[in-house]
Protein backbone atom coordinates (compact mmCIF):
# COMPACT_ATOMS: atom_id res chain seq x y z
CA UNK A 1 65.26 22.18 -46.52
CA UNK A 2 66.15 20.27 -43.36
CA UNK A 3 63.99 22.53 -41.28
CA UNK A 4 61.10 22.09 -43.68
CA UNK A 5 61.44 18.27 -43.65
CA UNK A 6 61.39 18.25 -39.89
CA UNK A 7 58.33 20.41 -39.96
CA UNK A 8 56.60 18.04 -42.40
CA UNK A 9 57.38 15.03 -40.22
CA UNK A 10 55.72 16.48 -37.10
CA UNK A 11 52.12 16.13 -38.32
CA UNK A 12 52.84 12.62 -39.56
CA UNK A 13 54.01 11.59 -36.07
CA UNK A 14 50.90 13.18 -34.53
CA UNK A 15 48.62 11.36 -36.98
CA UNK A 16 50.31 8.05 -36.21
CA UNK A 17 49.83 8.59 -32.45
CA UNK A 18 46.20 9.59 -33.00
CA UNK A 19 45.55 6.44 -35.05
CA UNK A 20 47.00 4.30 -32.28
CA UNK A 21 44.68 5.95 -29.73
CA UNK A 22 41.67 5.32 -31.96
CA UNK A 23 42.65 1.69 -32.42
CA UNK A 24 42.99 1.26 -28.67
CA UNK A 25 39.58 2.92 -28.13
CA UNK A 26 38.00 0.62 -30.72
CA UNK A 27 39.51 -2.42 -29.00
CA UNK A 28 38.16 -1.26 -25.63
CA UNK A 29 34.69 -0.75 -27.06
CA UNK A 30 34.76 -4.15 -28.75
CA UNK A 31 35.98 -5.79 -25.55
CA UNK A 32 33.12 -4.20 -23.63
CA UNK A 33 30.61 -5.39 -26.23
CA UNK A 34 32.01 -8.93 -26.08
CA UNK A 35 31.72 -8.87 -22.28
CA UNK A 36 28.09 -7.70 -22.48
CA UNK A 37 27.22 -10.43 -25.00
CA UNK A 38 28.83 -13.13 -22.87
CA UNK A 39 27.34 -11.94 -19.60
CA UNK A 40 24.74 -14.19 -18.05
CA UNK A 41 22.45 -12.49 -15.61
CA UNK A 42 19.66 -14.18 -13.66
CA UNK A 43 16.32 -14.38 -15.44
CA UNK A 44 13.80 -11.72 -14.48
CA UNK A 45 11.46 -14.29 -12.93
CA UNK A 46 14.33 -15.72 -10.83
CA UNK A 47 15.28 -12.35 -9.37
CA UNK A 48 12.62 -12.16 -6.66
CA UNK A 49 14.29 -9.86 -4.10
CA UNK A 50 14.66 -6.52 -5.79
CA UNK A 51 15.19 -2.87 -5.02
CA UNK A 52 12.09 -0.79 -4.40
CA UNK A 53 11.22 1.83 -6.98
CA UNK A 54 13.03 5.05 -5.87
CA UNK A 55 9.84 7.06 -6.48
CA UNK A 56 7.95 4.85 -4.03
CA UNK A 57 10.74 5.07 -1.46
CA UNK A 58 10.68 8.85 -1.73
CA UNK A 59 7.07 9.00 -0.50
CA UNK A 60 7.87 7.16 2.74
CA UNK A 61 11.34 5.67 3.11
CA UNK A 62 10.63 4.39 6.62
CA UNK A 63 7.96 2.00 5.34
CA UNK A 64 10.65 -0.07 3.58
CA UNK A 65 13.40 0.10 6.20
CA UNK A 66 13.90 -2.70 8.78
CA UNK A 67 13.90 -1.43 12.34
CA UNK A 68 15.31 -4.30 14.39
CA UNK A 69 16.43 -7.23 12.26
CA UNK A 70 18.22 -7.41 8.90
CA UNK A 71 17.68 -10.54 6.83
CA UNK A 72 19.69 -11.54 3.78
CA UNK A 73 22.70 -9.90 2.11
CA UNK A 74 21.42 -6.33 2.15
CA UNK A 75 24.03 -3.70 1.42
CA UNK A 76 21.85 -0.61 1.82
CA UNK A 77 21.89 -0.79 5.64
CA UNK A 78 25.48 -0.77 6.85
CA UNK A 79 24.83 -0.30 10.56
CA UNK A 80 23.94 -3.71 11.97
CA UNK A 81 21.93 -3.88 15.15
CA UNK A 82 24.27 -5.72 17.49
CA UNK A 83 21.67 -6.99 20.02
CA UNK A 84 19.67 -8.68 17.27
CA UNK A 85 22.80 -10.12 15.63
CA UNK A 86 23.62 -11.63 19.02
CA UNK A 87 20.05 -12.94 19.26
CA UNK A 88 20.50 -14.66 15.90
CA UNK A 89 23.45 -16.63 17.31
CA UNK A 90 21.47 -17.55 20.42
CA UNK A 91 18.61 -18.79 18.24
CA UNK A 92 21.09 -20.64 16.01
CA UNK A 93 22.40 -22.56 19.05
CA UNK A 94 18.83 -23.35 20.11
CA UNK A 95 17.93 -24.47 16.60
CA UNK A 96 20.93 -26.81 16.39
CA UNK A 97 20.02 -28.26 19.77
CA UNK A 98 16.47 -28.88 18.54
CA UNK A 99 17.66 -30.66 15.40
CA UNK A 100 19.81 -32.99 17.53
CA UNK A 101 21.11 -35.95 15.57
CA UNK A 102 18.98 -35.17 12.50
CA UNK A 103 21.63 -32.89 11.02
CA UNK A 104 24.92 -31.34 12.06
CA UNK A 105 26.32 -27.87 11.40
CA UNK A 106 28.45 -29.38 8.67
CA UNK A 107 25.40 -30.80 6.90
CA UNK A 108 23.58 -27.45 7.01
CA UNK A 109 26.66 -25.70 5.60
CA UNK A 110 26.88 -28.26 2.78
CA UNK A 111 23.20 -27.77 2.02
CA UNK A 112 23.60 -23.99 1.75
CA UNK A 113 26.80 -24.33 -0.30
CA UNK A 114 25.04 -26.60 -2.79
CA UNK A 115 22.27 -23.97 -3.21
CA UNK A 116 24.57 -20.92 -3.03
CA UNK A 117 24.27 -20.03 -6.72
CA UNK A 118 20.50 -20.48 -6.69
CA UNK A 119 20.19 -18.29 -3.60
CA UNK A 120 22.44 -15.59 -5.09
CA UNK A 121 20.43 -15.53 -8.31
CA UNK A 122 17.34 -14.51 -6.33
CA UNK A 123 18.88 -11.15 -5.39
CA UNK A 124 19.57 -8.07 -7.43
CA UNK A 125 23.27 -7.37 -7.76
CA UNK A 126 22.99 -3.99 -6.02
CA UNK A 127 21.55 -5.58 -2.91
CA UNK A 128 24.55 -7.35 -1.45
CA UNK A 129 25.12 -6.17 2.11
CA UNK A 130 28.81 -6.99 1.92
CA UNK A 131 30.92 -7.09 -1.25
CA UNK A 132 30.93 -10.86 -1.08
CA UNK A 133 30.62 -11.45 -4.82
CA UNK A 134 32.10 -9.16 -7.47
CA UNK A 135 29.65 -8.01 -10.11
CA UNK A 136 31.60 -9.69 -12.93
CA UNK A 137 31.64 -12.92 -10.92
CA UNK A 138 27.86 -12.87 -10.71
CA UNK A 139 27.42 -12.02 -14.37
CA UNK A 140 29.86 -14.66 -15.65
CA UNK A 141 28.83 -17.30 -13.13
CA UNK A 142 32.36 -17.47 -11.66
CA UNK A 143 32.49 -19.31 -8.33
CA UNK A 144 33.10 -16.97 -5.37
CA UNK A 145 36.32 -17.04 -3.38
CA UNK A 146 36.54 -19.22 -0.27
CA UNK A 147 36.40 -16.26 2.13
CA UNK A 148 33.32 -14.79 0.46
CA UNK A 149 31.57 -18.16 0.32
CA UNK A 150 32.24 -18.78 4.01
CA UNK A 151 30.73 -15.40 4.86
CA UNK A 152 27.72 -16.11 2.67
CA UNK A 153 27.05 -19.55 4.19
CA UNK A 154 27.40 -18.16 7.72
CA UNK A 155 24.97 -15.32 6.95
CA UNK A 156 22.33 -17.60 5.41
CA UNK A 157 22.57 -20.19 8.20
CA UNK A 158 22.31 -17.58 10.99
CA UNK A 159 19.37 -15.80 9.37
CA UNK A 160 17.54 -19.01 8.47
CA UNK A 161 18.00 -20.50 11.93
CA UNK A 162 16.77 -17.26 13.52
CA UNK A 163 13.60 -17.27 11.40
CA UNK A 164 12.83 -20.97 11.92
CA UNK A 165 13.44 -20.82 15.67
CA UNK A 166 11.27 -17.69 15.90
CA UNK A 167 8.41 -19.40 14.04
CA UNK A 168 8.66 -22.44 16.30
CA UNK A 169 8.62 -20.36 19.49
CA UNK A 170 5.54 -18.48 18.31
CA UNK A 171 3.86 -21.77 17.36
CA UNK A 172 4.56 -23.41 20.71
CA UNK A 173 5.03 -20.86 23.46
CA UNK A 174 5.64 -23.52 26.13
CA UNK A 175 8.96 -24.55 24.55
CA UNK A 176 10.66 -21.19 25.06
CA UNK A 177 13.75 -21.55 27.30
CA UNK A 178 13.18 -19.67 30.55
CA UNK A 179 16.82 -18.93 31.43
CA UNK A 180 17.88 -17.87 27.93
CA UNK A 181 18.37 -14.25 26.83
CA UNK A 182 15.60 -13.40 24.39
CA UNK A 183 15.32 -9.83 23.12
CA UNK A 184 12.23 -10.75 21.09
CA UNK A 185 9.89 -12.10 23.77
CA UNK A 186 11.34 -10.34 26.82
CA UNK A 187 10.41 -6.93 25.42
CA UNK A 188 6.66 -6.15 25.25
CA UNK A 189 5.47 -5.65 21.70
CA UNK A 190 8.84 -6.51 20.12
CA UNK A 191 7.37 -9.52 18.29
CA UNK A 192 5.07 -7.18 16.36
CA UNK A 193 8.09 -5.12 15.26
CA UNK A 194 9.98 -8.25 14.20
CA UNK A 195 6.94 -9.46 12.27
CA UNK A 196 6.87 -6.14 10.45
CA UNK A 197 10.56 -6.40 9.53
CA UNK A 198 10.10 -9.92 8.19
CA UNK A 199 7.47 -8.95 5.61
CA UNK A 200 9.51 -6.12 4.05
CA UNK A 201 9.94 -6.90 0.35
CA UNK A 202 13.74 -6.71 0.21
CA UNK A 203 14.49 -7.92 3.76
CA UNK A 204 14.11 -11.57 2.77
CA UNK A 205 15.63 -14.98 2.31
CA UNK A 206 14.16 -17.15 -0.47
CA UNK A 207 11.51 -19.39 1.02
CA UNK A 208 12.89 -22.52 -0.64
CA UNK A 209 16.14 -22.48 1.38
CA UNK A 210 14.24 -21.94 4.64
CA UNK A 211 12.04 -24.91 3.82
CA UNK A 212 15.01 -27.11 2.90
CA UNK A 213 16.84 -26.34 6.16
CA UNK A 214 13.66 -26.89 8.20
CA UNK A 215 12.91 -30.22 6.53
CA UNK A 216 16.52 -31.37 6.89
CA UNK A 217 16.28 -30.68 10.63
CA UNK A 218 12.77 -31.91 11.45
CA UNK A 219 11.60 -34.21 8.65
CA UNK A 220 9.33 -36.94 10.04
CA UNK A 221 9.79 -35.58 13.58
CA UNK A 222 6.56 -35.73 15.65
CA UNK A 223 5.28 -32.39 16.88
CA UNK A 224 6.72 -30.33 14.05
CA UNK A 225 4.08 -29.13 11.54
CA UNK A 226 4.73 -28.43 7.85
CA UNK A 227 6.88 -25.36 7.34
CA UNK A 228 4.16 -23.44 5.50
CA UNK A 229 1.85 -24.06 8.49
CA UNK A 230 4.43 -22.38 10.75
CA UNK A 231 4.62 -19.39 8.41
CA UNK A 232 0.85 -18.90 8.23
CA UNK A 233 0.58 -19.23 12.00
CA UNK A 234 3.28 -16.57 12.47
CA UNK A 235 1.45 -14.13 10.16
CA UNK A 236 -2.01 -15.11 11.40
CA UNK A 237 -3.12 -11.48 11.82
CA UNK A 238 -2.78 -11.07 8.05
CA UNK A 239 -4.59 -14.34 7.32
CA UNK A 240 -7.70 -12.80 5.76
CA UNK A 241 -9.65 -15.91 4.81
CA UNK A 242 -12.97 -17.36 5.96
CA UNK A 243 -11.19 -20.28 7.56
CA UNK A 244 -8.72 -20.54 10.42
CA UNK A 245 -5.05 -21.47 9.99
CA UNK A 246 -5.64 -24.59 12.07
CA UNK A 247 -8.56 -25.76 9.88
CA UNK A 248 -6.66 -24.99 6.69
CA UNK A 249 -3.96 -27.56 7.48
CA UNK A 250 -6.29 -30.31 8.59
CA UNK A 251 -6.31 -33.38 6.30
CA UNK A 252 -9.08 -31.99 4.14
CA UNK A 253 -8.76 -32.43 0.39
CA UNK A 254 -10.94 -29.40 -0.36
CA UNK A 255 -8.10 -27.03 0.62
CA UNK A 256 -5.30 -28.69 -1.33
CA UNK A 257 -5.30 -26.06 -4.09
CA UNK A 258 -4.90 -23.20 -1.64
CA UNK A 259 -2.13 -24.96 0.26
CA UNK A 260 -0.35 -25.59 -3.05
CA UNK A 261 -0.44 -21.86 -3.83
CA UNK A 262 1.00 -21.09 -0.41
CA UNK A 263 3.76 -23.65 -0.94
CA UNK A 264 4.70 -21.88 -4.18
CA UNK A 265 5.33 -18.51 -2.49
CA UNK A 266 8.75 -16.98 -3.25
CA UNK A 267 9.31 -15.36 0.14
CA UNK A 268 7.31 -13.94 3.06
CA UNK A 269 6.10 -10.87 1.12
CA UNK A 270 4.79 -13.11 -1.64
CA UNK A 271 3.21 -15.40 0.95
CA UNK A 272 1.32 -12.51 2.54
CA UNK A 273 0.08 -11.39 -0.87
CA UNK A 274 -1.22 -14.90 -1.54
CA UNK A 275 -3.03 -14.83 1.80
CA UNK A 276 -4.90 -11.69 0.69
CA UNK A 277 -6.18 -13.17 -2.57
CA UNK A 278 -9.71 -14.46 -2.89
CA UNK A 279 -10.18 -18.21 -2.59
CA UNK A 280 -13.26 -20.38 -2.72
CA UNK A 281 -14.01 -21.01 0.94
CA UNK A 282 -17.58 -21.31 2.11
CA UNK A 283 -18.47 -18.25 4.15
CA UNK A 284 -19.54 -19.06 7.70
CA UNK A 285 -23.05 -18.20 8.77
CA UNK A 286 -23.27 -14.84 10.44
CA UNK A 287 -26.12 -13.01 12.02
CA UNK A 288 -27.02 -9.77 10.38
CA UNK A 289 -26.20 -6.62 12.32
CA UNK A 290 -28.92 -4.62 10.66
CA UNK A 291 -31.61 -3.00 12.79
CA UNK A 292 -34.58 -5.26 13.56
CA UNK A 293 -37.75 -3.39 14.24
CA UNK A 294 -39.82 -4.27 17.30
CA UNK A 295 -43.06 -6.04 16.31
CA UNK A 296 -45.13 -3.31 17.94
CA UNK A 297 -43.60 -0.79 15.49
CA UNK A 298 -44.07 -3.00 12.44
CA UNK A 299 -47.04 -0.86 11.36
CA UNK A 300 -44.67 2.11 11.05
CA UNK A 301 -42.51 0.18 8.60
CA UNK A 302 -45.59 -0.74 6.57
CA UNK A 303 -46.78 2.87 6.49
CA UNK A 304 -43.35 4.18 5.51
CA UNK A 305 -43.15 1.65 2.69
CA UNK A 306 -46.60 2.68 1.45
CA UNK A 307 -45.67 6.37 1.46
CA UNK A 308 -42.47 5.70 -0.49
CA UNK A 309 -44.44 3.69 -3.01
CA UNK A 310 -46.97 6.49 -3.45
CA UNK A 311 -44.33 9.18 -3.73
CA UNK A 312 -42.13 7.40 -6.26
CA UNK A 313 -44.63 5.30 -8.16
CA UNK A 314 -44.72 7.98 -10.80
CA UNK A 315 -40.92 8.08 -11.07
CA UNK A 316 -40.78 5.77 -14.07
CA UNK A 317 -37.35 5.15 -15.52
CA UNK A 318 -36.59 7.25 -18.53
CA UNK A 319 -34.72 5.90 -21.53
CA UNK A 320 -31.58 7.66 -20.32
CA UNK A 321 -31.91 6.09 -16.87
CA UNK A 322 -32.25 2.64 -18.38
CA UNK A 323 -29.06 3.18 -20.35
CA UNK A 324 -27.24 4.31 -17.24
CA UNK A 325 -28.46 1.37 -15.18
CA UNK A 326 -27.37 -1.02 -17.90
CA UNK A 327 -23.80 0.08 -17.19
CA UNK A 328 -23.04 2.23 -20.24
CA UNK A 329 -20.82 4.60 -18.27
CA UNK A 330 -17.10 4.87 -17.64
CA UNK A 331 -15.59 2.48 -15.12
CA UNK A 332 -12.20 4.10 -14.47
CA UNK A 333 -13.28 6.56 -11.80
CA UNK A 334 -15.42 6.28 -8.70
CA UNK A 335 -17.17 8.85 -6.53
CA UNK A 336 -16.37 9.14 -2.83
CA UNK A 337 -18.30 7.27 -0.16
CA UNK A 338 -20.45 10.23 0.94
CA UNK A 339 -21.37 11.12 -2.65
CA UNK A 340 -22.33 7.51 -3.35
CA UNK A 341 -24.45 7.44 -0.21
CA UNK A 342 -26.25 10.58 -1.35
CA UNK A 343 -26.91 8.78 -4.64
CA UNK A 344 -28.60 5.93 -2.79
CA UNK A 345 -25.72 3.45 -2.36
CA UNK A 346 -26.00 1.58 0.93
CA UNK A 347 -22.69 0.57 2.52
CA UNK A 348 -22.63 -2.75 4.38
CA UNK A 349 -19.90 -4.69 6.17
CA UNK A 350 -19.29 -7.93 4.29
CA UNK A 351 -19.26 -11.26 6.09
CA UNK A 352 -16.19 -12.22 4.05
CA UNK A 353 -12.79 -11.72 5.66
CA UNK A 354 -10.99 -11.47 2.31
CA UNK A 355 -10.33 -7.77 1.71
CA UNK A 356 -10.68 -8.17 -2.07
CA UNK A 357 -14.17 -9.69 -1.84
CA UNK A 358 -16.08 -6.47 -2.62
CA UNK A 359 -19.53 -6.86 -4.17
CA UNK A 360 -22.19 -4.42 -5.36
CA UNK A 361 -25.83 -5.41 -5.81
CA UNK A 362 -27.34 -2.99 -8.30
CA UNK A 363 -30.85 -4.27 -7.55
CA UNK A 364 -30.93 -2.96 -3.98
CA UNK A 365 -27.93 -0.60 -4.14
CA UNK A 366 -25.88 -2.44 -1.46
CA UNK A 367 -22.09 -2.25 -1.58
CA UNK A 368 -20.58 -4.91 0.68
CA UNK A 369 -16.97 -4.34 1.74
CA UNK A 370 -14.98 -6.51 4.19
CA UNK A 371 -13.79 -4.85 7.36
CA UNK A 372 -10.26 -3.41 7.36
CA UNK A 373 -8.35 -2.61 10.56
CA UNK A 374 -5.93 0.27 10.00
CA UNK A 375 -3.04 0.75 12.42
CA UNK A 376 0.59 1.86 12.21
CA UNK A 377 1.71 -1.35 10.49
CA UNK A 378 -0.89 -1.03 7.73
CA UNK A 379 1.14 1.38 5.58
CA UNK A 380 4.38 -0.68 5.43
CA UNK A 381 2.30 -3.82 4.90
CA UNK A 382 0.49 -2.49 1.83
CA UNK A 383 3.47 -0.53 0.50
CA UNK A 384 5.75 -3.55 0.39
CA UNK A 385 3.14 -5.84 -1.13
CA UNK A 386 2.22 -3.20 -3.72
CA UNK A 387 5.88 -2.64 -4.60
CA UNK A 388 6.42 -6.39 -4.94
CA UNK A 389 3.27 -6.74 -7.00
CA UNK A 390 4.29 -3.95 -9.36
CA UNK A 391 7.65 -5.58 -10.07
CA UNK A 392 6.68 -9.27 -10.18
CA UNK A 393 2.94 -9.37 -10.99
CA UNK A 394 2.40 -6.38 -13.31
CA UNK A 395 -0.61 -8.10 -14.92
CA UNK A 396 -2.16 -9.23 -11.63
CA UNK A 397 -2.09 -6.14 -9.42
CA UNK A 398 -4.94 -7.24 -7.16
CA UNK A 399 -3.74 -5.46 -4.02
CA UNK A 400 -3.02 -2.25 -5.95
CA UNK A 401 -6.52 -2.38 -7.45
CA UNK A 402 -8.03 -2.73 -3.98
CA UNK A 403 -6.08 0.26 -2.67
CA UNK A 404 -7.20 2.35 -5.66
CA UNK A 405 -10.83 1.53 -4.87
CA UNK A 406 -10.40 2.52 -1.22
CA UNK A 407 -8.56 5.68 -2.25
CA UNK A 408 -11.53 6.68 -4.41
CA UNK A 409 -13.96 6.07 -1.56
CA UNK A 410 -11.87 7.92 1.05
CA UNK A 411 -11.50 11.52 -0.06
CA UNK A 412 -12.39 13.37 3.14
CA UNK A 413 -12.89 12.86 6.86
CA UNK A 414 -16.65 12.62 6.20
CA UNK A 415 -15.98 9.57 4.03
CA UNK A 416 -13.92 7.99 6.81
CA UNK A 417 -16.61 8.76 9.36
CA UNK A 418 -19.21 7.02 7.19
CA UNK A 419 -17.08 3.90 6.67
CA UNK A 420 -16.13 3.78 10.36
CA UNK A 421 -19.77 3.95 11.42
CA UNK A 422 -20.53 1.09 9.04
CA UNK A 423 -17.58 -0.87 10.55
CA UNK A 424 -15.99 -1.17 7.13
CA UNK A 425 -12.90 0.58 8.52
CA UNK A 426 -11.59 0.20 12.06
CA UNK A 427 -9.41 3.27 12.46
CA UNK A 428 -6.60 2.96 15.03
CA UNK A 429 -4.48 5.81 13.68
CA UNK A 430 -5.94 8.38 16.05
CA UNK A 431 -7.61 10.69 13.53
CA UNK A 432 -9.68 10.45 10.38
CA UNK A 433 -7.41 12.93 8.60
CA UNK A 434 -4.44 10.56 9.05
CA UNK A 435 -6.38 7.79 7.34
CA UNK A 436 -7.29 10.05 4.39
CA UNK A 437 -3.60 10.93 3.99
CA UNK A 438 -2.64 7.24 4.22
CA UNK A 439 -4.84 6.10 1.33
CA UNK A 440 -3.96 9.10 -0.84
CA UNK A 441 -0.21 8.55 -0.34
CA UNK A 442 -0.38 4.80 -0.97
CA UNK A 443 -1.40 5.43 -4.58
CA UNK A 444 1.38 7.90 -5.36
CA UNK A 445 3.63 6.75 -8.26
CA UNK A 446 1.55 3.56 -8.65
CA UNK A 447 0.17 3.31 -12.21
CA UNK A 448 -3.43 2.18 -12.33
CA UNK A 449 -3.89 -0.99 -14.39
CA UNK A 450 -5.93 -0.83 -17.57
CA UNK A 451 -7.87 -3.91 -16.51
CA UNK A 452 -8.67 -3.05 -12.91
CA UNK A 453 -10.42 -6.01 -11.30
CA UNK A 454 -13.06 -3.59 -9.95
CA UNK A 455 -13.79 -1.85 -13.26
CA UNK A 456 -17.19 -3.50 -13.50
CA UNK A 457 -17.96 -2.49 -9.92
CA UNK A 458 -16.93 1.09 -10.73
CA UNK A 459 -19.16 1.06 -13.79
CA UNK A 460 -22.15 -0.34 -11.90
CA UNK A 461 -21.75 2.18 -9.06
CA UNK A 462 -21.42 5.12 -11.42
CA UNK A 463 -24.48 3.93 -13.34
CA UNK A 464 -26.46 3.64 -10.11
CA UNK A 465 -25.26 7.09 -9.08
CA UNK A 466 -26.38 8.59 -12.40
CA UNK A 467 -30.03 7.47 -12.09
CA UNK A 468 -31.91 10.45 -10.68
CA UNK A 469 -34.60 8.84 -8.55
CA UNK A 470 -32.01 6.81 -6.59
CA UNK A 471 -30.72 10.09 -5.19
CA UNK A 472 -34.23 11.33 -4.40
CA UNK A 473 -35.06 8.22 -2.41
CA UNK A 474 -31.71 8.37 -0.63
CA UNK A 475 -32.17 11.98 0.43
CA UNK A 476 -35.67 11.25 1.68
CA UNK A 477 -34.35 8.33 3.71
CA UNK A 478 -31.34 10.28 5.06
CA UNK A 479 -33.23 13.40 6.11
CA UNK A 480 -36.70 12.16 7.07
CA UNK A 481 -36.35 8.46 7.89
CA UNK A 482 -32.85 8.38 9.38
CA UNK A 483 -33.97 6.71 12.62
CA UNK A 484 -37.08 5.29 14.24
CA UNK A 485 -38.06 8.57 15.90
CA UNK A 486 -37.49 10.74 12.84
CA UNK A 487 -39.61 8.25 10.92
CA UNK A 488 -42.38 8.55 13.51
CA UNK A 489 -42.15 12.35 13.39
CA UNK A 490 -42.22 12.38 9.58
CA UNK A 491 -45.16 9.98 9.51
CA UNK A 492 -47.04 12.02 12.12
CA UNK A 493 -46.43 15.26 10.19
CA UNK A 494 -47.57 13.60 6.98
CA UNK A 495 -50.74 12.27 8.62
CA UNK A 496 -51.42 15.70 10.14
CA UNK A 497 -50.97 17.30 6.74
CA UNK A 498 -53.33 14.78 5.13
CA UNK A 499 -55.94 15.26 7.86
CA UNK A 500 -55.70 19.04 7.53
CA UNK A 501 -56.04 18.75 3.76
CA UNK A 502 -59.02 16.40 4.15
CA UNK A 503 -60.69 18.79 6.64
CA UNK A 504 -60.15 21.71 4.26
CA UNK A 505 -61.64 19.80 1.33
CA UNK A 506 -64.65 18.74 3.42
CA UNK A 507 -65.19 22.32 4.56
CA UNK A 508 -65.13 23.54 0.97
CA UNK A 509 -67.62 20.87 -0.11
CA UNK A 510 -69.92 21.77 2.81
CA UNK A 511 -70.10 25.32 1.53
């Protein structure tokens, strides 16, 4: 009996232990749920410096990686470049000397400390270069420890001073100290590499703290322009507007709206995107580069026009052609540049400097596209802006839409050759094949927006391409009237044929 009782008690003890484990598990789960409910993370719109989509990074990791200078609390690059970190301290000393009595180191540190939480909220948690703030501290808004805060303030001040001093030295080259060590300006071409690093989407400081530090140091100081003026001057090669940076910041009320948009930029990547957008500036007058015929050959032009009229006068538009020209075709796909040219589309370099200002005139078949210079910084430039646009402006993907249009046009080296000859693309990559690969790779893993800003242009081009007699006229022009001398030869052969035909008819009548 005793043995049996002992045996019966064993399962009871096991059940009791199992119940305790389940209770503990339930408490752990409930504690986790309570922590999740009480967690306070930064709002999506506040988190402006984010990780790049891993799929995009996989296509070309180097396009997102800083080469010489690391800005902000990045954790993904552990190996700091010592020469540039030393240069930051040299620039910090120069910046403090510039500010003079306007503000001391202590005042700058207090300014950064007061904005520490706001600065931290701009970054994704996974992007802290050093474990300065624990994840639960960020989520629960717990103040950081003194050591971590000191590191954070030192990092922000050094990076901000480096950027501001760099912008000032580019703005006024005469103020650069001659005897000072300067890795940026002493090395040929290094400034272009630094400029590239400073527009990378996650290699950033929020623009508001840079502006606050700059204004604290140089507010109301003669000779120091507005901070946004410095930024636009530094990135002048990406200033694609029909107005110069100098004219933009003149006391002219007509540009206030544009300057306000620039002031609202979140960081340098956002600023460069804003510079690419289309704004209402009056285009400057520009002489046409089209061929002007010598007056002595004007009769050739008249004859050619008469022949075209005779040949295609009978090509009346059918009902189907009218439907196509009215735009009742799909606008989600576009033919390549060479195919569009064969359909009668005439490519022209636009007088506008804004890359997005692409216009198609369906009356004369002219597609005007602004000129784009493509070099080795073009890919990281577009990749970082497109990645930023996808994460922060998913409903306003203007740059992505532009790249999709160019990717449709550039399908082969023949397409590149056509656009290069029309000066729509200035290719500095060394080969046309490299440019084809560039545009095709830029669109990988980028979803095309439903409301592409060029959908109407796509639709109009496809409609123009579908009308049959546009292609006939284009082929006649390409093969028989490609140049002045081929036009003369074609006209002479046509006149000879007409004279021969006339002589034959007269001979028959004489019989």
